[in-house]
Protein backbone atom coordinates (compact mmCIF):
# COMPACT_ATOMS: atom_id res chain seq x y z
CA UNK A 1 -22.99 -14.03 14.33
CA UNK A 2 -23.63 -11.24 16.81
CA UNK A 3 -20.73 -8.81 17.32
CA UNK A 4 -20.69 -7.19 20.74
CA UNK A 5 -17.90 -4.78 19.95
CA UNK A 6 -15.63 -3.79 17.07
CA UNK A 7 -12.87 -1.39 16.90
CA UNK A 8 -10.55 -0.30 14.13
CA UNK A 9 -7.90 2.27 14.92
CA UNK A 10 -4.90 3.16 12.76
CA UNK A 11 -2.15 5.33 14.22
CA UNK A 12 1.14 6.40 12.57
CA UNK A 13 3.48 8.71 14.53
CA UNK A 14 7.06 9.68 14.83
CA UNK A 15 9.12 12.18 16.78
CA UNK A 16 11.55 14.30 14.82
CA UNK A 17 14.48 16.04 16.53
CA UNK A 18 14.33 19.73 15.87
CA UNK A 19 16.57 22.70 16.26
CA UNK A 20 16.06 26.07 17.81
CA UNK A 21 13.26 26.83 20.30
CA UNK A 22 11.40 23.54 19.57
CA UNK A 23 13.46 20.51 20.27
CA UNK A 24 11.04 17.90 18.89
CA UNK A 25 8.24 17.80 16.39
CA UNK A 26 5.56 15.10 16.37
CA UNK A 27 4.15 14.01 13.09
CA UNK A 28 1.41 11.53 12.35
CA UNK A 29 -2.28 10.86 12.05
CA UNK A 30 -5.07 8.76 13.43
CA UNK A 31 -7.99 7.14 11.71
CA UNK A 32 -10.77 5.68 13.88
CA UNK A 33 -13.62 3.82 12.23
CA UNK A 34 -17.05 3.76 13.98
CA UNK A 35 -19.05 2.10 11.06
CA UNK A 36 -21.68 -0.50 12.13
CA UNK A 37 -20.40 -3.95 11.24
CA UNK A 38 -22.14 -7.30 11.78
CA UNK A 39 -19.68 -9.52 9.86
CA UNK A 40 -16.18 -10.26 11.04
CA UNK A 41 -13.86 -13.09 9.88
CA UNK A 42 -10.24 -14.00 9.76
CA UNK A 43 -8.38 -16.18 7.26
CA UNK A 44 -4.82 -17.37 8.00
CA UNK A 45 -2.87 -19.00 5.22
CA UNK A 46 0.40 -20.87 5.81
CA UNK A 47 2.02 -21.56 2.40
CA UNK A 48 4.81 -24.11 2.11
CA UNK A 49 5.34 -24.21 -1.63
CA UNK A 50 6.14 -21.62 -4.27
CA UNK A 51 3.35 -20.37 -6.64
CA UNK A 52 0.35 -21.19 -4.50
CA UNK A 53 -2.58 -19.15 -5.79
CA UNK A 54 -5.85 -18.70 -3.79
CA UNK A 55 -8.81 -16.60 -4.89
CA UNK A 56 -11.36 -15.13 -2.49
CA UNK A 57 -14.70 -14.28 -4.13
CA UNK A 58 -16.30 -11.56 -1.99
CA UNK A 59 -19.72 -12.45 -3.43
CA UNK A 60 -20.07 -15.89 -5.14
CA UNK A 61 -23.14 -15.94 -7.28
CA UNK A 62 -22.69 -19.57 -8.29
CA UNK A 63 -25.53 -22.05 -7.53
CA UNK A 64 -25.67 -22.96 -3.79
CA UNK A 65 -23.14 -20.25 -2.74
CA UNK A 66 -25.87 -17.73 -1.71
CA UNK A 67 -23.86 -14.66 -2.68
CA UNK A 68 -21.49 -15.38 0.30
CA UNK A 69 -17.76 -14.96 0.27
CA UNK A 70 -15.76 -18.12 -0.74
CA UNK A 71 -12.23 -19.43 -1.16
CA UNK A 72 -10.76 -21.52 -4.02
CA UNK A 73 -7.37 -22.76 -4.99
CA UNK A 74 -6.17 -22.60 -8.61
CA UNK A 75 -3.94 -25.75 -8.32
CA UNK A 76 -6.73 -28.26 -7.67
CA UNK A 77 -7.49 -30.47 -4.67
CA UNK A 78 -10.21 -29.80 -2.09
CA UNK A 79 -8.30 -28.78 0.97
CA UNK A 80 -8.54 -28.04 4.65
CA UNK A 81 -5.52 -28.12 6.90
CA UNK A 82 -2.24 -29.84 6.19
CA UNK A 83 -1.43 -32.65 3.82
CA UNK A 84 -3.18 -31.26 0.72
CA UNK A 85 -1.79 -31.41 -2.71
CA UNK A 86 -1.10 -27.65 -2.83
CA UNK A 87 0.78 -27.83 0.51
CA UNK A 88 -0.98 -24.96 2.34
CA UNK A 89 -2.50 -24.79 5.85
CA UNK A 90 -5.51 -22.62 6.35
CA UNK A 91 -8.14 -22.08 9.08
CA UNK A 92 -10.81 -22.16 6.29
CA UNK A 93 -11.67 -24.77 3.70
CA UNK A 94 -10.36 -24.03 0.20
CA UNK A 95 -12.33 -25.45 -2.74
CA UNK A 96 -11.13 -26.65 -6.19
CA UNK A 97 -10.51 -24.19 -9.01
CA UNK A 98 -13.57 -22.32 -10.07
CA UNK A 99 -16.47 -20.40 -8.42
CA UNK A 100 -18.81 -23.46 -8.40
CA UNK A 101 -16.26 -25.56 -6.39
CA UNK A 102 -15.31 -22.86 -3.92
CA UNK A 103 -16.02 -23.18 -0.17
CA UNK A 104 -17.94 -20.63 1.88
CA UNK A 105 -15.95 -18.80 4.49
CA UNK A 106 -16.82 -19.47 8.16
CA UNK A 107 -16.95 -16.92 11.03
CA UNK A 108 -15.21 -17.62 14.35
CA UNK A 109 -18.35 -19.39 15.57
CA UNK A 110 -17.97 -21.86 12.63
CA UNK A 111 -21.13 -20.57 10.93
CA UNK A 112 -21.18 -19.46 7.31
CA UNK A 113 -20.42 -15.74 6.91
CA UNK A 114 -23.47 -13.85 5.85
CA UNK A 115 -23.70 -12.37 2.36
CA UNK A 116 -21.75 -9.05 2.48
CA UNK A 117 -23.49 -5.88 1.46
CA UNK A 118 -20.67 -3.39 2.36
CA UNK A 119 -16.99 -4.09 2.94
CA UNK A 120 -15.84 -1.75 5.72
CA UNK A 121 -12.21 -2.66 6.33
CA UNK A 122 -9.67 -5.21 5.21
CA UNK A 123 -6.37 -5.82 7.01
CA UNK A 124 -3.48 -7.89 5.46
CA UNK A 125 -0.56 -8.89 7.57
CA UNK A 126 2.60 -10.90 6.74
CA UNK A 127 4.94 -11.63 9.66
CA UNK A 128 8.65 -10.82 9.82
CA UNK A 129 9.50 -14.57 9.67
CA UNK A 130 8.27 -14.86 6.05
CA UNK A 131 10.79 -15.71 3.33
CA UNK A 132 9.08 -14.54 0.18
CA UNK A 133 6.80 -11.95 -1.27
CA UNK A 134 2.97 -12.32 -1.11
CA UNK A 135 1.11 -10.61 -3.92
CA UNK A 136 -2.54 -9.46 -3.37
CA UNK A 137 -4.41 -8.47 -6.58
CA UNK A 138 -8.06 -7.46 -6.50
CA UNK A 139 -10.50 -6.93 -9.26
CA UNK A 140 -11.37 -3.67 -7.58
CA UNK A 141 -8.44 -1.48 -6.36
CA UNK A 142 -10.43 -0.45 -3.30
CA UNK A 143 -9.53 -3.97 -1.95
CA UNK A 144 -5.84 -3.57 -2.79
CA UNK A 145 -3.15 -4.41 -5.29
CA UNK A 146 -0.29 -4.88 -2.89
CA UNK A 147 2.98 -6.78 -2.58
CA UNK A 148 3.78 -7.71 0.97
CA UNK A 149 7.57 -8.26 1.01
CA UNK A 150 9.42 -10.62 3.19
CA UNK A 151 10.63 -9.36 6.62
CA UNK A 152 7.20 -8.33 7.63
CA UNK A 153 4.60 -6.09 6.13
CA UNK A 154 0.96 -5.11 6.55
CA UNK A 155 -1.68 -2.97 4.98
CA UNK A 156 -5.02 -1.65 6.29
CA UNK A 157 -7.64 -0.67 3.76
CA UNK A 158 -10.91 1.03 4.67
CA UNK A 159 -12.90 0.96 1.37
CA UNK A 160 -16.39 1.33 2.85
CA UNK A 161 -17.70 0.07 -0.49
CA UNK A 162 -20.77 -1.80 -1.61
CA UNK A 163 -20.20 -5.36 -2.67
CA UNK A 164 -20.15 -6.76 -6.16
CA UNK A 165 -18.55 -9.80 -7.78
CA UNK A 166 -15.13 -8.70 -6.72
CA UNK A 167 -12.28 -11.20 -6.36
CA UNK A 168 -8.95 -10.99 -4.54
CA UNK A 169 -6.12 -13.24 -5.57
CA UNK A 170 -3.31 -14.24 -3.12
CA UNK A 171 -0.10 -15.46 -4.73
CA UNK A 172 2.73 -16.82 -2.60
CA UNK A 173 6.39 -16.89 -3.67
CA UNK A 174 7.56 -19.10 -0.71
CA UNK A 175 10.37 -21.51 -1.52
CA UNK A 176 9.51 -25.18 -1.35
CA UNK A 177 10.88 -26.66 1.90
CA UNK A 178 11.02 -23.44 3.82
CA UNK A 179 11.08 -24.32 7.53
CA UNK A 180 7.87 -22.55 8.52
CA UNK A 181 6.16 -21.47 5.39
CA UNK A 182 5.06 -17.95 4.53
CA UNK A 183 1.99 -16.75 6.43
CA UNK A 184 -0.75 -14.31 5.48
CA UNK A 185 -3.46 -13.14 7.78
CA UNK A 186 -6.56 -11.50 6.31
CA UNK A 187 -9.09 -9.82 8.66
CA UNK A 188 -12.36 -8.47 7.29
CA UNK A 189 -14.99 -6.21 8.88
CA UNK A 190 -18.17 -5.90 6.87
CA UNK A 191 -21.93 -5.31 7.04
CA UNK A 192 -24.83 -7.40 5.71
CA UNK A 193 -26.70 -4.18 4.99
CA UNK A 194 -25.65 -1.43 2.70
């Protein structure tokens, strides 16, 4: 997949009411990333049952996986879309438990994502409509150990790290029968060269 443009900009700011000669003080910071990336993909999970667990392997070294990133579900069933045993909707295929059964992640052009050499940035987002906590636990803390609480949460990580056999596990605490189901969006910018 050819990327014509990529931009990552993080801004946090606030205006604080002051006293004396200065009536306001601006606090904050900006982080703009200009790293070269040639891999970009997005995963959106909509979980409609408690205790759903999904694992992303950033580099799957199992036979036939070509060191590419993959997804697997720990509760069984080979799923894509609604109606699966584990009751989760996803814009990617999710394989059965285990690295050998995992499915390769696709880019927006529906081609397999290339093998990642360097992870540049990872963005996790849970919307305000969520009902439960989503836990993200990675085998390398550069990729985040985070709890995204209900009522909306997000985290932007810029690890700029070389790839290894890292995994990231997503655990949903959504109640069964919630009207919409808890949602998690994961956006990744990476490079196929170190």
